[in-house]
Amino acid sequence: MKAAFRTRYGPPEVVTVTEVEKPSPKDGELLIKVHATTVNRTDCAQRAAKPFLWRFFTGLIRPRVRILGNEFAGEVDALGAGVTSFTVGDRVFGYNDAGFGAHAEYMTVAHDGTLATMPEGLTFEEAAPSTEGSHYALSVIRAAKIERGHDVLVYGATGAIGSAAVQLLKSIGAAVTAVCGTKDMELVRTLGADKAVDYMTEDFTRDERKYDFVIDAVGKSTFRRCRRLLKPRGVFLATDLGPWSQNPILALTTPLLGGKKVKFPLPKHDPATARYFKELIEAGRFKPVIDRRYSLDEILEAHRYVETGQKTGNVVISIDHSG
């Protein structure tokens, strides 16, 4: 099968589209014929091993995972022993950051992971970007117990996480202020934001309004910088390690001090998460934002574009099986 393969850490050029052995499903696994996937920040961080901390989990010298890609949509091609929740031919979508493997024509996934049958009416390219950014967004919303009526500021509101966060927050009735660049002001309004702030023309941290929660959806701000935006018992929600990997440390220490604090939630992986997104999509309450589309043969260009930090929403990779 064709796959985007790498044997070392580094820039996009370490990835080569080549022929590799087609995987076989083990007990409890499904073999997925992948029709669409994405390139996201997680893929780029894994590929480059930045921050260096990644290497302690993914291979100190060389990467253990050779085929990246954690988000996918496709068809069930074969079942491993013991799988009864899906059948061959099911159209499915999901997320897999344990084994990755979606940047290929075929991949294997656990039957009890973040996986569900596709929402009705969606193409594979539309379904593929439904779970990566959104599951990070959902994890911070649920960990913080954000509810109807809460005031929330989303910094980086047009990335994969941020664009999902705005929509998920509005689906539960929160009041949302979205911080983004000039070109995306209208987009965040269409996503449901009650207020849009252009960080290119004004300092969002000088906003006089106070918030119950501030979500840094792009990992480019800090608790210290956003602290003044928070109400007396407000929470800064981090989706990235932050400078010097400070956010996990602050998440442990700030609750001990009382008042404003940091949370660094870890996402949950289960079928219910994928089914939740399916229900929201079918109800018209969530729609993944797609920036650009590439073929598998163009995946290096996708990596280069994602690394600019300028993407809006998601970058989709289409995989053609007709050859």
C-alpha atoms as a PDB file:
ATOM      1  CA  MET A   1       0.000   0.000   0.000  1.00  0.00           C
ATOM      2  CA  LYS A   2       1.014   3.642  -0.391  1.00  0.00           C
ATOM      3  CA  ALA A   3       1.886   5.585   2.776  1.00  0.00           C
ATOM      4  CA  ALA A   4       3.667   8.728   3.985  1.00  0.00           C
ATOM      5  CA  PHE A   5       6.612   7.099   5.760  1.00  0.00           C
ATOM      6  CA  ARG A   6       9.470   8.465   7.892  1.00  0.00           C
ATOM      7  CA  THR A   7      12.392   6.885   9.772  1.00  0.00           C
ATOM      8  CA  ARG A   8      13.767   9.921  11.619  1.00  0.00           C
ATOM      9  CA  TYR A   9      12.714  13.175  13.234  1.00  0.00           C
ATOM     10  CA  GLY A  10      13.037  16.418  11.357  1.00  0.00           C
ATOM     11  CA  PRO A  11      11.450  18.834   8.844  1.00  0.00           C
ATOM     12  CA  PRO A  12       8.703  17.858   6.381  1.00  0.00           C
ATOM     13  CA  GLU A  13      11.322  16.433   4.034  1.00  0.00           C
ATOM     14  CA  VAL A  14      11.852  13.418   6.322  1.00  0.00           C
ATOM     15  CA  VAL A  15       8.445  12.151   5.111  1.00  0.00           C
ATOM     16  CA  THR A  16       8.450  10.108   1.905  1.00  0.00           C
ATOM     17  CA  VAL A  17       5.403   8.738   0.082  1.00  0.00           C
ATOM     18  CA  THR A  18       6.317   5.146  -0.687  1.00  0.00           C
ATOM     19  CA  GLU A  19       5.038   1.564  -0.819  1.00  0.00           C
ATOM     20  CA  VAL A  20       4.905  -0.287   2.520  1.00  0.00           C
ATOM     21  CA  GLU A  21       3.340  -3.501   3.769  1.00  0.00           C
ATOM     22  CA  LYS A  22      -0.404  -3.404   4.317  1.00  0.00           C
ATOM     23  CA  PRO A  23      -1.260  -3.999   8.001  1.00  0.00           C
ATOM     24  CA  SER A  24      -3.492  -6.790   9.291  1.00  0.00           C
ATOM     25  CA  PRO A  25      -5.968  -6.315  12.150  1.00  0.00           C
ATOM     26  CA  LYS A  26      -5.127  -7.994  15.446  1.00  0.00           C
ATOM     27  CA  ASP A  27      -7.694  -9.198  17.971  1.00  0.00           C
ATOM     28  CA  GLY A  28     -10.050  -6.331  18.816  1.00  0.00           C
ATOM     29  CA  GLU A  29      -8.942  -4.217  15.846  1.00  0.00           C
ATOM     30  CA  LEU A  30     -10.432  -3.052  12.563  1.00  0.00           C
ATOM     31  CA  LEU A  31      -8.635  -2.577   9.262  1.00  0.00           C
ATOM     32  CA  ILE A  32      -9.718   0.744   7.782  1.00  0.00           C
ATOM     33  CA  LYS A  33      -9.485   1.630   4.104  1.00  0.00           C
ATOM     34  CA  VAL A  34      -8.623   5.315   4.557  1.00  0.00           C
ATOM     35  CA  HIS A  35     -10.251   7.765   2.156  1.00  0.00           C
ATOM     36  CA  ALA A  36      -9.367  10.993   3.964  1.00  0.00           C
ATOM     37  CA  THR A  37      -7.162  12.152   6.809  1.00  0.00           C
ATOM     38  CA  THR A  38      -5.645  15.408   8.050  1.00  0.00           C
ATOM     39  CA  VAL A  39      -2.292  16.978   8.848  1.00  0.00           C
ATOM     40  CA  ASN A  40      -2.452  18.823  12.154  1.00  0.00           C
ATOM     41  CA  ARG A  41      -0.249  20.322  14.864  1.00  0.00           C
ATOM     42  CA  THR A  42       0.093  16.954  16.587  1.00  0.00           C
ATOM     43  CA  ASP A  43       1.423  15.343  13.415  1.00  0.00           C
ATOM     44  CA  CYS A  44       3.958  18.134  12.929  1.00  0.00           C
ATOM     45  CA  ALA A  45       5.086  18.008  16.560  1.00  0.00           C
ATOM     46  CA  GLN A  46       5.510  14.232  16.353  1.00  0.00           C
ATOM     47  CA  ARG A  47       7.394  14.480  13.076  1.00  0.00           C
ATOM     48  CA  ALA A  48       9.830  17.100  14.362  1.00  0.00           C
ATOM     49  CA  ALA A  49       9.921  15.915  18.016  1.00  0.00           C
ATOM     50  CA  LYS A  50       9.315  19.464  19.194  1.00  0.00           C
ATOM     51  CA  PRO A  51       9.280  19.985  22.073  1.00  0.00           C
ATOM     52  CA  PHE A  52      12.066  17.480  22.801  1.00  0.00           C
ATOM     53  CA  LEU A  53       9.886  15.992  25.550  1.00  0.00           C
ATOM     54  CA  TRP A  54       8.019  14.099  22.825  1.00  0.00           C
ATOM     55  CA  ARG A  55      11.008  11.771  22.376  1.00  0.00           C
ATOM     56  CA  PHE A  56      10.583  10.238  25.839  1.00  0.00           C
ATOM     57  CA  PHE A  57       7.223   8.868  24.652  1.00  0.00           C
ATOM     58  CA  THR A  58       7.827   8.308  20.937  1.00  0.00           C
ATOM     59  CA  GLY A  59      11.451   7.135  20.729  1.00  0.00           C
ATOM     60  CA  LEU A  60      14.541   8.879  22.043  1.00  0.00           C
ATOM     61  CA  ILE A  61      16.745   8.494  18.950  1.00  0.00           C
ATOM     62  CA  ARG A  62      14.368   7.407  16.190  1.00  0.00           C
ATOM     63  CA  PRO A  63      10.559   7.473  16.058  1.00  0.00           C
ATOM     64  CA  ARG A  64       8.734   4.269  16.846  1.00  0.00           C
ATOM     65  CA  VAL A  65       5.743   5.457  14.818  1.00  0.00           C
ATOM     66  CA  ARG A  66       6.762   5.538  11.155  1.00  0.00           C
ATOM     67  CA  ILE A  67       3.403   6.514   9.618  1.00  0.00           C
ATOM     68  CA  LEU A  68       1.754   9.610  11.095  1.00  0.00           C
ATOM     69  CA  GLY A  69      -1.880  10.678  10.862  1.00  0.00           C
ATOM     70  CA  ASN A  70      -4.252  10.531  13.822  1.00  0.00           C
ATOM     71  CA  GLU A  71      -7.559  11.528  12.232  1.00  0.00           C
ATOM     72  CA  PHE A  72      -9.357   9.590   9.528  1.00  0.00           C
ATOM     73  CA  ALA A  73     -12.490   8.694   7.619  1.00  0.00           C
ATOM     74  CA  GLY A  74     -12.906   5.548   5.564  1.00  0.00           C
ATOM     75  CA  GLU A  75     -14.468   2.117   5.247  1.00  0.00           C
ATOM     76  CA  VAL A  76     -14.097  -0.965   7.426  1.00  0.00           C
ATOM     77  CA  ASP A  77     -12.137  -3.414   5.244  1.00  0.00           C
ATOM     78  CA  ALA A  78     -11.629  -6.293   7.695  1.00  0.00           C
ATOM     79  CA  LEU A  79     -12.310  -7.247  11.316  1.00  0.00           C
ATOM     80  CA  GLY A  80      -9.991  -8.739  13.891  1.00  0.00           C
ATOM     81  CA  ALA A  81     -11.193 -11.493  16.205  1.00  0.00           C
ATOM     82  CA  GLY A  82     -13.772 -10.423  18.765  1.00  0.00           C
ATOM     83  CA  VAL A  83     -15.021  -7.300  16.967  1.00  0.00           C
ATOM     84  CA  THR A  84     -18.824  -7.187  16.862  1.00  0.00           C
ATOM     85  CA  SER A  85     -19.572  -3.455  16.999  1.00  0.00           C
ATOM     86  CA  PHE A  86     -18.780  -2.843  13.308  1.00  0.00           C
ATOM     87  CA  THR A  87     -19.181  -4.729  10.064  1.00  0.00           C
ATOM     88  CA  VAL A  88     -17.153  -4.809   6.859  1.00  0.00           C
ATOM     89  CA  GLY A  89     -18.231  -1.937   4.620  1.00  0.00           C
ATOM     90  CA  ASP A  90     -19.223   0.447   7.434  1.00  0.00           C
ATOM     91  CA  ARG A  91     -18.281   4.066   6.704  1.00  0.00           C
ATOM     92  CA  VAL A  92     -16.451   5.265   9.813  1.00  0.00           C
ATOM     93  CA  PHE A  93     -14.533   8.243  11.150  1.00  0.00           C
ATOM     94  CA  GLY A  94     -12.344   8.673  14.202  1.00  0.00           C
ATOM     95  CA  TYR A  95      -9.164   9.630  15.978  1.00  0.00           C
ATOM     96  CA  ASN A  96      -6.150   7.530  16.940  1.00  0.00           C
ATOM     97  CA  ASP A  97      -3.144   9.141  18.633  1.00  0.00           C
ATOM     98  CA  ALA A  98      -1.977   5.854  20.159  1.00  0.00           C
ATOM     99  CA  GLY A  99      -0.812   4.187  16.968  1.00  0.00           C
ATOM    100  CA  PHE A 100      -1.342   6.945  14.373  1.00  0.00           C
ATOM    101  CA  GLY A 101      -1.132   5.432  10.850  1.00  0.00           C
ATOM    102  CA  ALA A 102      -3.809   7.424   8.982  1.00  0.00           C
ATOM    103  CA  HIS A 103      -1.400   8.874   6.394  1.00  0.00           C
ATOM    104  CA  ALA A 104      -1.744   5.667   4.410  1.00  0.00           C
ATOM    105  CA  GLU A 105      -4.191   3.769   2.259  1.00  0.00           C
ATOM    106  CA  TYR A 106      -4.932   1.369   5.134  1.00  0.00           C
ATOM    107  CA  MET A 107      -4.603   1.540   8.925  1.00  0.00           C
ATOM    108  CA  THR A 108      -5.627  -0.508  11.952  1.00  0.00           C
ATOM    109  CA  VAL A 109      -7.531   0.907  14.926  1.00  0.00           C
ATOM    110  CA  ALA A 110      -8.936  -0.484  18.176  1.00  0.00           C
ATOM    111  CA  HIS A 111     -12.671  -1.142  17.996  1.00  0.00           C
ATOM    112  CA  ASP A 112     -13.219   0.629  21.348  1.00  0.00           C
ATOM    113  CA  GLY A 113     -11.281   3.801  20.547  1.00  0.00           C
ATOM    114  CA  THR A 114     -12.602   7.180  19.394  1.00  0.00           C
ATOM    115  CA  LEU A 115     -14.473   5.709  16.453  1.00  0.00           C
ATOM    116  CA  ALA A 116     -18.032   5.777  15.102  1.00  0.00           C
ATOM    117  CA  THR A 117     -20.021   5.374  11.917  1.00  0.00           C
ATOM    118  CA  MET A 118     -19.940   8.560   9.839  1.00  0.00           C
ATOM    119  CA  PRO A 119     -22.582  11.285  10.141  1.00  0.00           C
ATOM    120  CA  GLU A 120     -25.279  11.048   7.499  1.00  0.00           C
ATOM    121  CA  GLY A 121     -24.743  13.231   4.438  1.00  0.00           C
ATOM    122  CA  LEU A 122     -21.004  13.864   4.889  1.00  0.00           C
ATOM    123  CA  THR A 123     -18.256  12.976   2.445  1.00  0.00           C
ATOM    124  CA  PHE A 124     -15.082  11.327   3.720  1.00  0.00           C
ATOM    125  CA  GLU A 125     -13.231  14.641   3.310  1.00  0.00           C
ATOM    126  CA  GLU A 126     -15.844  16.439   5.420  1.00  0.00           C
ATOM    127  CA  ALA A 127     -15.898  13.756   8.136  1.00  0.00           C
ATOM    128  CA  ALA A 128     -12.141  13.292   8.538  1.00  0.00           C
ATOM    129  CA  PRO A 129     -11.460  16.599  10.377  1.00  0.00           C
ATOM    130  CA  SER A 130     -14.270  16.051  12.898  1.00  0.00           C
ATOM    131  CA  THR A 131     -12.406  14.551  15.846  1.00  0.00           C
ATOM    132  CA  GLU A 132      -8.859  15.845  16.482  1.00  0.00           C
ATOM    133  CA  GLY A 133      -9.310  19.527  17.272  1.00  0.00           C
ATOM    134  CA  SER A 134     -12.835  18.928  18.522  1.00  0.00           C
ATOM    135  CA  HIS A 135     -11.861  16.272  21.072  1.00  0.00           C
ATOM    136  CA  TYR A 136      -9.266  18.620  22.568  1.00  0.00           C
ATOM    137  CA  ALA A 137     -11.873  21.376  22.700  1.00  0.00           C
ATOM    138  CA  LEU A 138     -14.432  19.067  24.286  1.00  0.00           C
ATOM    139  CA  SER A 139     -11.942  17.885  26.900  1.00  0.00           C
ATOM    140  CA  VAL A 140     -11.306  21.415  28.217  1.00  0.00           C
ATOM    141  CA  ILE A 141     -14.994  22.313  28.144  1.00  0.00           C
ATOM    142  CA  ARG A 142     -15.966  19.238  30.146  1.00  0.00           C
ATOM    143  CA  ALA A 143     -13.009  19.355  32.538  1.00  0.00           C
ATOM    144  CA  ALA A 144     -13.822  22.963  33.400  1.00  0.00           C
ATOM    145  CA  LYS A 145     -17.562  22.190  33.634  1.00  0.00           C
ATOM    146  CA  ILE A 146     -18.449  25.108  31.391  1.00  0.00           C
ATOM    147  CA  GLU A 147     -22.195  25.617  31.258  1.00  0.00           C
ATOM    148  CA  ARG A 148     -24.903  27.809  29.795  1.00  0.00           C
ATOM    149  CA  GLY A 149     -24.367  31.456  30.743  1.00  0.00           C
ATOM    150  CA  HIS A 150     -20.629  31.242  31.371  1.00  0.00           C
ATOM    151  CA  ASP A 151     -18.471  33.909  29.729  1.00  0.00           C
ATOM    152  CA  VAL A 152     -15.628  32.329  27.733  1.00  0.00           C
ATOM    153  CA  LEU A 153     -12.810  33.859  25.673  1.00  0.00           C
ATOM    154  CA  VAL A 154     -11.224  31.620  23.021  1.00  0.00           C
ATOM    155  CA  TYR A 155      -7.754  32.725  21.918  1.00  0.00           C
ATOM    156  CA  GLY A 156      -6.867  31.203  18.553  1.00  0.00           C
ATOM    157  CA  ALA A 157     -10.502  30.757  17.580  1.00  0.00           C
ATOM    158  CA  THR A 158      -9.889  29.690  13.978  1.00  0.00           C
ATOM    159  CA  GLY A 159      -7.510  26.742  14.385  1.00  0.00           C
ATOM    160  CA  ALA A 160      -8.760  23.161  14.522  1.00  0.00           C
ATOM    161  CA  ILE A 161      -9.240  23.361  18.304  1.00  0.00           C
ATOM    162  CA  GLY A 162     -10.447  26.945  18.439  1.00  0.00           C
ATOM    163  CA  SER A 163     -13.015  26.707  15.638  1.00  0.00           C
ATOM    164  CA  ALA A 164     -14.424  23.574  17.275  1.00  0.00           C
ATOM    165  CA  ALA A 165     -14.403  25.195  20.721  1.00  0.00           C
ATOM    166  CA  VAL A 166     -16.466  28.171  19.556  1.00  0.00           C
ATOM    167  CA  GLN A 167     -19.121  25.874  18.100  1.00  0.00           C
ATOM    168  CA  LEU A 168     -19.171  23.443  21.032  1.00  0.00           C
ATOM    169  CA  LEU A 169     -19.428  26.295  23.527  1.00  0.00           C
ATOM    170  CA  LYS A 170     -22.352  27.832  21.659  1.00  0.00           C
ATOM    171  CA  SER A 171     -24.052  24.428  21.512  1.00  0.00           C
ATOM    172  CA  ILE A 172     -24.248  24.439  25.325  1.00  0.00           C
ATOM    173  CA  GLY A 173     -25.266  28.090  25.604  1.00  0.00           C
ATOM    174  CA  ALA A 174     -22.038  29.804  26.715  1.00  0.00           C
ATOM    175  CA  ALA A 175     -21.274  33.408  25.749  1.00  0.00           C
ATOM    176  CA  VAL A 176     -18.191  33.367  23.494  1.00  0.00           C
ATOM    177  CA  THR A 177     -15.605  36.014  22.656  1.00  0.00           C
ATOM    178  CA  ALA A 178     -13.382  34.809  19.803  1.00  0.00           C
ATOM    179  CA  VAL A 179      -9.864  36.154  19.247  1.00  0.00           C
ATOM    180  CA  CYS A 180      -8.547  35.774  15.694  1.00  0.00           C
ATOM    181  CA  GLY A 181      -6.775  37.551  12.835  1.00  0.00           C
ATOM    182  CA  THR A 182      -8.323  40.176  10.579  1.00  0.00           C
ATOM    183  CA  LYS A 183      -9.185  37.831   7.715  1.00  0.00           C
ATOM    184  CA  ASP A 184     -11.197  35.483   9.944  1.00  0.00           C
ATOM    185  CA  MET A 185     -13.395  37.978  11.798  1.00  0.00           C
ATOM    186  CA  GLU A 186     -16.467  37.123   9.750  1.00  0.00           C
ATOM    187  CA  LEU A 187     -15.775  33.382  10.006  1.00  0.00           C
ATOM    188  CA  VAL A 188     -15.846  33.328  13.809  1.00  0.00           C
ATOM    189  CA  ARG A 189     -19.142  35.189  13.745  1.00  0.00           C
ATOM    190  CA  THR A 190     -20.619  32.542  11.447  1.00  0.00           C
ATOM    191  CA  LEU A 191     -19.354  29.898  13.900  1.00  0.00           C
ATOM    192  CA  GLY A 192     -21.478  31.559  16.577  1.00  0.00           C
ATOM    193  CA  ALA A 193     -19.134  33.921  18.447  1.00  0.00           C
ATOM    194  CA  ASP A 194     -20.967  36.700  20.266  1.00  0.00           C
ATOM    195  CA  LYS A 195     -17.963  39.011  19.971  1.00  0.00           C
ATOM    196  CA  ALA A 196     -14.860  38.921  17.762  1.00  0.00           C
ATOM    197  CA  VAL A 197     -11.527  40.538  18.650  1.00  0.00           C
ATOM    198  CA  ASP A 198      -8.826  41.143  16.017  1.00  0.00           C
ATOM    199  CA  TYR A 199      -5.502  40.449  17.729  1.00  0.00           C
ATOM    200  CA  MET A 200      -3.705  42.105  14.806  1.00  0.00           C
ATOM    201  CA  THR A 201      -5.184  45.513  15.593  1.00  0.00           C
ATOM    202  CA  GLU A 202      -5.730  45.372  19.356  1.00  0.00           C
ATOM    203  CA  ASP A 203      -4.316  43.678  22.442  1.00  0.00           C
ATOM    204  CA  PHE A 204      -6.980  41.189  23.485  1.00  0.00           C
ATOM    205  CA  THR A 205      -5.566  41.056  27.025  1.00  0.00           C
ATOM    206  CA  ARG A 206      -6.606  44.695  27.548  1.00  0.00           C
ATOM    207  CA  ASP A 207     -10.294  43.774  27.196  1.00  0.00           C
ATOM    208  CA  GLU A 208     -12.219  45.314  30.094  1.00  0.00           C
ATOM    209  CA  ARG A 209     -14.653  42.413  30.190  1.00  0.00           C
ATOM    210  CA  LYS A 210     -13.947  39.656  32.714  1.00  0.00           C
ATOM    211  CA  TYR A 211     -14.348  35.983  31.881  1.00  0.00           C
ATOM    212  CA  ASP A 212     -15.125  32.776  33.741  1.00  0.00           C
ATOM    213  CA  PHE A 213     -12.763  30.924  31.395  1.00  0.00           C
ATOM    214  CA  VAL A 214     -10.029  31.746  28.925  1.00  0.00           C
ATOM    215  CA  ILE A 215      -9.135  28.970  26.466  1.00  0.00           C
ATOM    216  CA  ASP A 216      -5.739  29.173  24.760  1.00  0.00           C
ATOM    217  CA  ALA A 217      -6.488  27.018  21.724  1.00  0.00           C
ATOM    218  CA  VAL A 218      -3.128  27.541  19.998  1.00  0.00           C
ATOM    219  CA  GLY A 219      -0.577  27.443  22.809  1.00  0.00           C
ATOM    220  CA  LYS A 220       0.690  30.946  22.071  1.00  0.00           C
ATOM    221  CA  SER A 221      -0.290  32.767  25.247  1.00  0.00           C
ATOM    222  CA  THR A 222       0.241  32.227  28.972  1.00  0.00           C
ATOM    223  CA  PHE A 223      -1.641  32.282  32.266  1.00  0.00           C
ATOM    224  CA  ARG A 224       0.401  35.280  33.349  1.00  0.00           C
ATOM    225  CA  ARG A 225      -0.599  37.269  30.275  1.00  0.00           C
ATOM    226  CA  CYS A 226      -4.284  36.316  30.435  1.00  0.00           C
ATOM    227  CA  ARG A 227      -4.704  36.459  34.209  1.00  0.00           C
ATOM    228  CA  ARG A 228      -6.184  39.972  34.220  1.00  0.00           C
ATOM    229  CA  LEU A 229      -9.001  38.789  31.925  1.00  0.00           C
ATOM    230  CA  LEU A 230     -10.260  36.280  34.483  1.00  0.00           C
ATOM    231  CA  LYS A 231     -12.903  36.745  37.130  1.00  0.00           C
ATOM    232  CA  PRO A 232     -11.699  36.224  40.751  1.00  0.00           C
ATOM    233  CA  ARG A 233     -12.131  32.442  40.502  1.00  0.00           C
ATOM    234  CA  GLY A 234     -11.662  32.207  36.749  1.00  0.00           C
ATOM    235  CA  VAL A 235      -9.785  29.431  34.959  1.00  0.00           C
ATOM    236  CA  PHE A 236      -7.135  29.528  32.214  1.00  0.00           C
ATOM    237  CA  LEU A 237      -7.555  26.410  30.078  1.00  0.00           C
ATOM    238  CA  ALA A 238      -4.394  25.271  28.284  1.00  0.00           C
ATOM    239  CA  THR A 239      -4.329  22.984  25.250  1.00  0.00           C
ATOM    240  CA  ASP A 240      -0.540  23.030  24.918  1.00  0.00           C
ATOM    241  CA  LEU A 241       2.420  22.547  27.269  1.00  0.00           C
ATOM    242  CA  GLY A 242       3.296  26.240  27.008  1.00  0.00           C
ATOM    243  CA  PRO A 243       6.720  27.905  27.387  1.00  0.00           C
ATOM    244  CA  TRP A 244       9.119  25.664  29.340  1.00  0.00           C
ATOM    245  CA  SER A 245       6.247  23.148  29.707  1.00  0.00           C
ATOM    246  CA  GLN A 246       4.800  25.368  32.405  1.00  0.00           C
ATOM    247  CA  ASN A 247       1.081  24.610  31.990  1.00  0.00           C
ATOM    248  CA  PRO A 248       1.041  21.103  33.559  1.00  0.00           C
ATOM    249  CA  ILE A 249       3.051  22.488  36.488  1.00  0.00           C
ATOM    250  CA  LEU A 250       0.706  25.462  36.903  1.00  0.00           C
ATOM    251  CA  ALA A 251      -2.268  23.114  36.741  1.00  0.00           C
ATOM    252  CA  LEU A 252      -0.875  21.321  39.812  1.00  0.00           C
ATOM    253  CA  THR A 253       0.161  24.396  41.786  1.00  0.00           C
ATOM    254  CA  THR A 254      -2.366  27.185  41.118  1.00  0.00           C
ATOM    255  CA  PRO A 255      -5.375  25.335  42.651  1.00  0.00           C
ATOM    256  CA  LEU A 256      -3.461  25.227  45.959  1.00  0.00           C
ATOM    257  CA  LEU A 257      -3.357  29.022  46.083  1.00  0.00           C
ATOM    258  CA  GLY A 258      -7.068  29.694  45.654  1.00  0.00           C
ATOM    259  CA  GLY A 259      -8.524  32.191  43.227  1.00  0.00           C
ATOM    260  CA  LYS A 260      -7.547  32.129  39.558  1.00  0.00           C
ATOM    261  CA  LYS A 261      -6.044  28.874  38.315  1.00  0.00           C
ATOM    262  CA  VAL A 262      -4.835  26.806  35.368  1.00  0.00           C
ATOM    263  CA  LYS A 263      -6.283  23.542  34.059  1.00  0.00           C
ATOM    264  CA  PHE A 264      -4.481  21.277  31.605  1.00  0.00           C
ATOM    265  CA  PRO A 265      -7.040  18.564  30.813  1.00  0.00           C
ATOM    266  CA  LEU A 266      -6.126  15.261  29.190  1.00  0.00           C
ATOM    267  CA  PRO A 267      -8.563  14.126  26.480  1.00  0.00           C
ATOM    268  CA  LYS A 268     -10.682  11.014  26.870  1.00  0.00           C
ATOM    269  CA  HIS A 269     -10.675   8.373  24.142  1.00  0.00           C
ATOM    270  CA  ASP A 270     -13.788   6.250  23.683  1.00  0.00           C
ATOM    271  CA  PRO A 271     -16.541   5.569  21.136  1.00  0.00           C
ATOM    272  CA  ALA A 272     -18.936   7.883  22.999  1.00  0.00           C
ATOM    273  CA  THR A 273     -16.774  10.882  22.117  1.00  0.00           C
ATOM    274  CA  ALA A 274     -16.973  10.143  18.379  1.00  0.00           C
ATOM    275  CA  ARG A 275     -20.709   9.451  18.625  1.00  0.00           C
ATOM    276  CA  TYR A 276     -21.192  12.803  20.384  1.00  0.00           C
ATOM    277  CA  PHE A 277     -19.574  14.647  17.462  1.00  0.00           C
ATOM    278  CA  LYS A 278     -21.657  12.615  15.017  1.00  0.00           C
ATOM    279  CA  GLU A 279     -24.849  13.716  16.805  1.00  0.00           C
ATOM    280  CA  LEU A 280     -23.802  17.376  16.842  1.00  0.00           C
ATOM    281  CA  ILE A 281     -22.936  17.307  13.131  1.00  0.00           C
ATOM    282  CA  GLU A 282     -26.224  15.642  12.185  1.00  0.00           C
ATOM    283  CA  ALA A 283     -28.080  18.214  14.301  1.00  0.00           C
ATOM    284  CA  GLY A 284     -26.310  21.080  12.494  1.00  0.00           C
ATOM    285  CA  ARG A 285     -24.585  22.290  15.674  1.00  0.00           C
ATOM    286  CA  PHE A 286     -21.000  21.525  14.636  1.00  0.00           C
ATOM    287  CA  LYS A 287     -19.223  21.641  11.284  1.00  0.00           C
ATOM    288  CA  PRO A 288     -15.452  21.218  10.988  1.00  0.00           C
ATOM    289  CA  VAL A 289     -13.769  24.137   9.231  1.00  0.00           C
ATOM    290  CA  ILE A 290     -11.648  23.088   6.242  1.00  0.00           C
ATOM    291  CA  ASP A 291      -8.870  25.355   4.992  1.00  0.00           C
ATOM    292  CA  ARG A 292      -7.046  23.401   2.283  1.00  0.00           C
ATOM    293  CA  ARG A 293      -7.137  19.973   0.662  1.00  0.00           C
ATOM    294  CA  TYR A 294      -4.180  17.982  -0.653  1.00  0.00           C
ATOM    295  CA  SER A 295      -3.655  14.537  -2.117  1.00  0.00           C
ATOM    296  CA  LEU A 296      -1.483  11.982  -0.310  1.00  0.00           C
ATOM    297  CA  ASP A 297       1.277  12.639  -2.857  1.00  0.00           C
ATOM    298  CA  GLU A 298       1.202  16.327  -1.821  1.00  0.00           C
ATOM    299  CA  ILE A 299       1.456  15.660   1.909  1.00  0.00           C
ATOM    300  CA  LEU A 300       4.838  17.410   2.276  1.00  0.00           C
ATOM    301  CA  GLU A 301       3.182  20.640   1.147  1.00  0.00           C
ATOM    302  CA  ALA A 302       0.491  20.071   3.751  1.00  0.00           C
ATOM    303  CA  HIS A 303       3.126  19.691   6.495  1.00  0.00           C
ATOM    304  CA  ARG A 304       4.859  22.870   5.334  1.00  0.00           C
ATOM    305  CA  TYR A 305       1.606  24.822   5.362  1.00  0.00           C
ATOM    306  CA  VAL A 306       0.508  23.613   8.809  1.00  0.00           C
ATOM    307  CA  GLU A 307       3.910  24.599  10.206  1.00  0.00           C
ATOM    308  CA  THR A 308       3.356  28.229   9.158  1.00  0.00           C
ATOM    309  CA  GLY A 309       0.822  28.473  11.986  1.00  0.00           C
ATOM    310  CA  GLN A 310      -1.543  30.301   9.643  1.00  0.00           C
ATOM    311  CA  LYS A 311      -4.057  27.601   8.810  1.00  0.00           C
ATOM    312  CA  THR A 312      -7.735  28.218   9.404  1.00  0.00           C
ATOM    313  CA  GLY A 313      -9.436  25.130  10.785  1.00  0.00           C
ATOM    314  CA  ASN A 314      -8.215  21.898   9.223  1.00  0.00           C
ATOM    315  CA  VAL A 315      -5.978  20.689   6.396  1.00  0.00           C
ATOM    316  CA  VAL A 316      -7.425  17.597   4.714  1.00  0.00           C
ATOM    317  CA  ILE A 317      -5.592  14.851   2.812  1.00  0.00           C
ATOM    318  CA  SER A 318      -7.603  12.901   0.240  1.00  0.00           C
ATOM    319  CA  ILE A 319      -6.511   9.353  -0.564  1.00  0.00           C
ATOM    320  CA  ASP A 320      -7.372   8.003  -3.994  1.00  0.00           C
ATOM    321  CA  HIS A 321      -7.707   4.211  -4.254  1.00  0.00           C
ATOM    322  CA  SER A 322      -8.449   4.124  -7.983  1.00  0.00           C
ATOM    323  CA  GLY A 323      -4.811   3.665  -9.057  1.00  0.00           C
END
